[in-house]
């Protein structure tokens, strides 16, 4: 995206939109944390290449 287009997009991005976006990101983070918490630690280590 060109800088002018990005600037125009950011101007039209309201505070309410920003708050909703942050809420969605926080929900995704929580979902990922829960998913990792539900995974056995040895499986997480194998997936990450630690073992």
PDB file of N, CA and C in Angstrom:
ATOM      1  N   UNK A   1       0.864  -1.175   0.000  1.00  0.00           N
ATOM      2  CA  UNK A   1       0.000   0.000   0.000  1.00  0.00           C
ATOM      3  C   UNK A   1       0.907   1.232   0.000  1.00  0.00           C
ATOM      4  N   UNK A   2       0.631   2.151  -0.894  1.00  0.00           N
ATOM      5  CA  UNK A   2       1.429   3.375  -0.969  1.00  0.00           C
ATOM      6  C   UNK A   2       1.194   4.215   0.277  1.00  0.00           C
ATOM      7  N   UNK A   3       2.186   5.035   0.593  1.00  0.00           N
ATOM      8  CA  UNK A   3       2.097   5.855   1.813  1.00  0.00           C
ATOM      9  C   UNK A   3       0.864   6.756   1.799  1.00  0.00           C
ATOM     10  N   UNK A   4       0.540   7.350   0.649  1.00  0.00           N
ATOM     11  CA  UNK A   4      -0.635   8.227   0.572  1.00  0.00           C
ATOM     12  C   UNK A   4      -1.910   7.440   0.858  1.00  0.00           C
ATOM     13  N   UNK A   5      -1.982   6.234   0.315  1.00  0.00           N
ATOM     14  CA  UNK A   5      -3.154   5.395   0.557  1.00  0.00           C
ATOM     15  C   UNK A   5      -3.235   4.994   2.020  1.00  0.00           C
ATOM     16  N   UNK A   6      -2.097   4.675   2.606  1.00  0.00           N
ATOM     17  CA  UNK A   6      -2.063   4.302   4.016  1.00  0.00           C
ATOM     18  C   UNK A   6      -2.510   5.461   4.892  1.00  0.00           C
ATOM     19  N   UNK A   7      -2.014   6.664   4.602  1.00  0.00           N
ATOM     20  CA  UNK A   7      -2.394   7.842   5.379  1.00  0.00           C
ATOM     21  C   UNK A   7      -3.892   8.095   5.269  1.00  0.00           C
ATOM     22  N   UNK A   8      -4.429   7.961   4.067  1.00  0.00           N
ATOM     23  CA  UNK A   8      -5.861   8.174   3.868  1.00  0.00           C
ATOM     24  C   UNK A   8      -6.659   7.116   4.627  1.00  0.00           C
ATOM     25  N   UNK A   9      -6.196   5.887   4.587  1.00  0.00           N
ATOM     26  CA  UNK A   9      -6.874   4.808   5.303  1.00  0.00           C
ATOM     27  C   UNK A   9      -6.860   5.076   6.806  1.00  0.00           C
ATOM     28  N   UNK A  10      -5.741   5.520   7.331  1.00  0.00           N
ATOM     29  CA  UNK A  10      -5.623   5.780   8.758  1.00  0.00           C
ATOM     30  C   UNK A  10      -6.526   6.930   9.189  1.00  0.00           C
ATOM     31  N   UNK A  11      -6.702   7.929   8.339  1.00  0.00           N
ATOM     32  CA  UNK A  11      -7.585   9.044   8.681  1.00  0.00           C
ATOM     33  C   UNK A  11      -9.027   8.577   8.807  1.00  0.00           C
ATOM     34  N   UNK A  12      -9.425   7.617   7.980  1.00  0.00           N
ATOM     35  CA  UNK A  12     -10.805   7.148   8.011  1.00  0.00           C
ATOM     36  C   UNK A  12     -11.032   6.094   9.091  1.00  0.00           C
ATOM     37  N   UNK A  13      -9.970   5.681   9.741  1.00  0.00           N
ATOM     38  CA  UNK A  13     -10.027   4.676  10.795  1.00  0.00           C
ATOM     39  C   UNK A  13     -10.382   5.375  12.102  1.00  0.00           C
ATOM     40  N   UNK A  14     -11.604   5.201  12.566  1.00  0.00           N
ATOM     41  CA  UNK A  14     -12.058   5.908  13.758  1.00  0.00           C
ATOM     42  C   UNK A  14     -11.519   5.272  15.036  1.00  0.00           C
ATOM     43  N   UNK A  15     -11.640   6.001  16.112  1.00  0.00           N
ATOM     44  CA  UNK A  15     -11.213   5.485  17.413  1.00  0.00           C
ATOM     45  C   UNK A  15     -12.007   4.233  17.778  1.00  0.00           C
ATOM     46  N   UNK A  16     -13.276   4.239  17.475  1.00  0.00           N
ATOM     47  CA  UNK A  16     -14.109   3.067  17.744  1.00  0.00           C
ATOM     48  C   UNK A  16     -13.632   1.848  16.981  1.00  0.00           C
ATOM     49  N   UNK A  17     -13.237   2.065  15.712  1.00  0.00           N
ATOM     50  CA  UNK A  17     -12.697   0.970  14.910  1.00  0.00           C
ATOM     51  C   UNK A  17     -11.409   0.441  15.528  1.00  0.00           C
ATOM     52  N   UNK A  18     -10.573   1.357  15.999  1.00  0.00           N
ATOM     53  CA  UNK A  18      -9.299   0.965  16.610  1.00  0.00           C
ATOM     54  C   UNK A  18      -9.543   0.132  17.864  1.00  0.00           C
ATOM     55  N   UNK A  19     -10.505   0.545  18.670  1.00  0.00           N
ATOM     56  CA  UNK A  19     -10.829  -0.190  19.896  1.00  0.00           C
ATOM     57  C   UNK A  19     -11.329  -1.592  19.553  1.00  0.00           C
ATOM     58  N   UNK A  20     -12.193  -1.694  18.563  1.00  0.00           N
ATOM     59  CA  UNK A  20     -12.705  -3.000  18.154  1.00  0.00           C
ATOM     60  C   UNK A  20     -11.587  -3.889  17.625  1.00  0.00           C
ATOM     61  N   UNK A  21     -10.668  -3.301  16.874  1.00  0.00           N
ATOM     62  CA  UNK A  21      -9.534  -4.055  16.336  1.00  0.00           C
ATOM     63  C   UNK A  21      -8.655  -4.591  17.465  1.00  0.00           C
ATOM     64  N   UNK A  22      -8.388  -3.760  18.455  1.00  0.00           N
ATOM     65  CA  UNK A  22      -7.569  -4.187  19.592  1.00  0.00           C
ATOM     66  C   UNK A  22      -8.285  -5.294  20.367  1.00  0.00           C
ATOM     67  N   UNK A  23      -9.591  -5.175  20.535  1.00  0.00           N
ATOM     68  CA  UNK A  23     -10.356  -6.226  21.218  1.00  0.00           C
ATOM     69  C   UNK A  23     -10.242  -7.551  20.470  1.00  0.00           C
ATOM     70  N   UNK A  24     -10.335  -7.490  19.130  1.00  0.00           N
ATOM     71  CA  UNK A  24     -10.208  -8.702  18.329  1.00  0.00           C
ATOM     72  C   UNK A  24      -8.817  -9.317  18.485  1.00  0.00           C
ATOM     73  N   UNK A  25      -7.789  -8.477  18.472  1.00  0.00           N
ATOM     74  CA  UNK A  25      -6.427  -8.977  18.657  1.00  0.00           C
ATOM     75  C   UNK A  25      -6.256  -9.625  20.024  1.00  0.00           C
ATOM     76  N   UNK A  26      -6.789  -9.003  21.057  1.00  0.00           N
ATOM     77  CA  UNK A  26      -6.701  -9.568  22.405  1.00  0.00           C
ATOM     78  C   UNK A  26      -7.418 -10.912  22.485  1.00  0.00           C
ATOM     79  N   UNK A  27      -8.556 -11.020  21.811  1.00  0.00           N
ATOM     80  CA  UNK A  27      -9.285 -12.290  21.801  1.00  0.00           C
ATOM     81  C   UNK A  27      -8.464 -13.369  21.112  1.00  0.00           C
ATOM     82  N   UNK A  28      -7.824 -13.008  19.994  1.00  0.00           N
ATOM     83  CA  UNK A  28      -6.978 -13.978  19.286  1.00  0.00           C
ATOM     84  C   UNK A  28      -5.815 -14.428  20.168  1.00  0.00           C
ATOM     85  N   UNK A  29      -5.211 -13.478  20.873  1.00  0.00           N
ATOM     86  CA  UNK A  29      -4.100 -13.805  21.778  1.00  0.00           C
ATOM     87  C   UNK A  29      -4.576 -14.762  22.860  1.00  0.00           C
ATOM     88  N   UNK A  30      -5.725 -14.467  23.461  1.00  0.00           N
ATOM     89  CA  UNK A  30      -6.270 -15.339  24.510  1.00  0.00           C
ATOM     90  C   UNK A  30      -6.587 -16.726  23.969  1.00  0.00           C
ATOM     91  N   UNK A  31      -7.149 -16.774  22.746  1.00  0.00           N
ATOM     92  CA  UNK A  31      -7.451 -18.068  22.135  1.00  0.00           C
ATOM     93  C   UNK A  31      -6.175 -18.885  21.935  1.00  0.00           C
ATOM     94  N   UNK A  32      -5.117 -18.230  21.464  1.00  0.00           N
ATOM     95  CA  UNK A  32      -3.846 -18.926  21.262  1.00  0.00           C
ATOM     96  C   UNK A  32      -3.241 -19.384  22.582  1.00  0.00           C
ATOM     97  N   UNK A  33      -3.334 -18.543  23.595  1.00  0.00           N
ATOM     98  CA  UNK A  33      -2.826 -18.931  24.921  1.00  0.00           C
ATOM     99  C   UNK A  33      -3.575 -20.146  25.447  1.00  0.00           C
ATOM    100  N   UNK A  34      -4.893 -20.132  25.297  1.00  0.00           N
ATOM    101  CA  UNK A  34      -5.699 -21.266  25.753  1.00  0.00           C
ATOM    102  C   UNK A  34      -5.346 -22.526  24.978  1.00  0.00           C
ATOM    103  N   UNK A  35      -5.153 -22.380  23.686  1.00  0.00           N
ATOM    104  CA  UNK A  35      -4.797 -23.524  22.855  1.00  0.00           C
ATOM    105  C   UNK A  35      -3.444 -24.091  23.288  1.00  0.00           C
ATOM    106  N   UNK A  36      -2.484 -23.234  23.536  1.00  0.00           N
ATOM    107  CA  UNK A  36      -1.168 -23.688  23.986  1.00  0.00           C
ATOM    108  C   UNK A  36      -1.245 -24.293  25.379  1.00  0.00           C
ATOM    109  N   UNK A  37      -2.076 -23.731  26.231  1.00  0.00           N
ATOM    110  CA  UNK A  37      -2.230 -24.252  27.579  1.00  0.00           C
ATOM    111  C   UNK A  37      -2.867 -25.625  27.592  1.00  0.00           C
ATOM    112  N   UNK A  38      -3.678 -25.919  26.581  1.00  0.00           N
ATOM    113  CA  UNK A  38      -4.353 -27.202  26.502  1.00  0.00           C
ATOM    114  C   UNK A  38      -3.487 -28.261  25.828  1.00  0.00           C
ATOM    115  N   UNK A  39      -2.328 -27.849  25.314  1.00  0.00           N
ATOM    116  CA  UNK A  39      -1.429 -28.768  24.626  1.00  0.00           C
ATOM    117  C   UNK A  39      -0.389 -29.291  25.606  1.00  0.00           C
ATOM    118  N   UNK A  40      -0.150 -30.588  25.635  1.00  0.00           N
ATOM    119  CA  UNK A  40       0.880 -31.125  26.528  1.00  0.00           C
ATOM    120  C   UNK A  40       2.231 -30.464  26.257  1.00  0.00           C
ATOM    121  N   UNK A  41       2.982 -30.122  27.299  1.00  0.00           N
ATOM    122  CA  UNK A  41       4.252 -29.407  27.143  1.00  0.00           C
ATOM    123  C   UNK A  41       5.246 -30.109  26.228  1.00  0.00           C
ATOM    124  N   UNK A  42       5.314 -31.451  26.273  1.00  0.00           N
ATOM    125  CA  UNK A  42       6.275 -32.137  25.414  1.00  0.00           C
ATOM    126  C   UNK A  42       5.909 -32.002  23.945  1.00  0.00           C
ATOM    127  N   UNK A  43       4.615 -31.927  23.645  1.00  0.00           N
ATOM    128  CA  UNK A  43       4.176 -31.742  22.270  1.00  0.00           C
ATOM    129  C   UNK A  43       4.537 -30.347  21.779  1.00  0.00           C
ATOM    130  N   UNK A  44       4.381 -29.348  22.639  1.00  0.00           N
ATOM    131  CA  UNK A  44       4.755 -27.982  22.285  1.00  0.00           C
ATOM    132  C   UNK A  44       6.251 -27.915  22.011  1.00  0.00           C
ATOM    133  N   UNK A  45       7.045 -28.558  22.853  1.00  0.00           N
ATOM    134  CA  UNK A  45       8.498 -28.551  22.679  1.00  0.00           C
ATOM    135  C   UNK A  45       8.889 -29.227  21.372  1.00  0.00           C
ATOM    136  N   UNK A  46       8.237 -30.328  21.030  1.00  0.00           N
ATOM    137  CA  UNK A  46       8.543 -31.024  19.777  1.00  0.00           C
ATOM    138  C   UNK A  46       8.182 -30.163  18.578  1.00  0.00           C
ATOM    139  N   UNK A  47       7.027 -29.503  18.634  1.00  0.00           N
ATOM    140  CA  UNK A  47       6.599 -28.653  17.526  1.00  0.00           C
ATOM    141  C   UNK A  47       7.543 -27.485  17.330  1.00  0.00           C
ATOM    142  N   UNK A  48       8.085 -26.959  18.407  1.00  0.00           N
ATOM    143  CA  UNK A  48       8.964 -25.800  18.306  1.00  0.00           C
ATOM    144  C   UNK A  48      10.402 -26.199  18.020  1.00  0.00           C
ATOM    145  N   UNK A  49      10.691 -27.501  18.009  1.00  0.00           N
ATOM    146  CA  UNK A  49      12.037 -27.971  17.723  1.00  0.00           C
ATOM    147  C   UNK A  49      12.952 -27.988  18.929  1.00  0.00           C
ATOM    148  N   UNK A  50      12.396 -27.833  20.119  1.00  0.00           N
ATOM    149  CA  UNK A  50      13.210 -27.806  21.332  1.00  0.00           C
ATOM    150  C   UNK A  50      13.694 -29.200  21.717  1.00  0.00           C
ATOM    151  N   UNK A  51      12.985 -30.229  21.264  1.00  0.00           N
ATOM    152  CA  UNK A  51      13.375 -31.606  21.616  1.00  0.00           C
ATOM    153  C   UNK A  51      13.849 -32.294  20.349  1.00  0.00           C
TER     154      UNK A  51
END
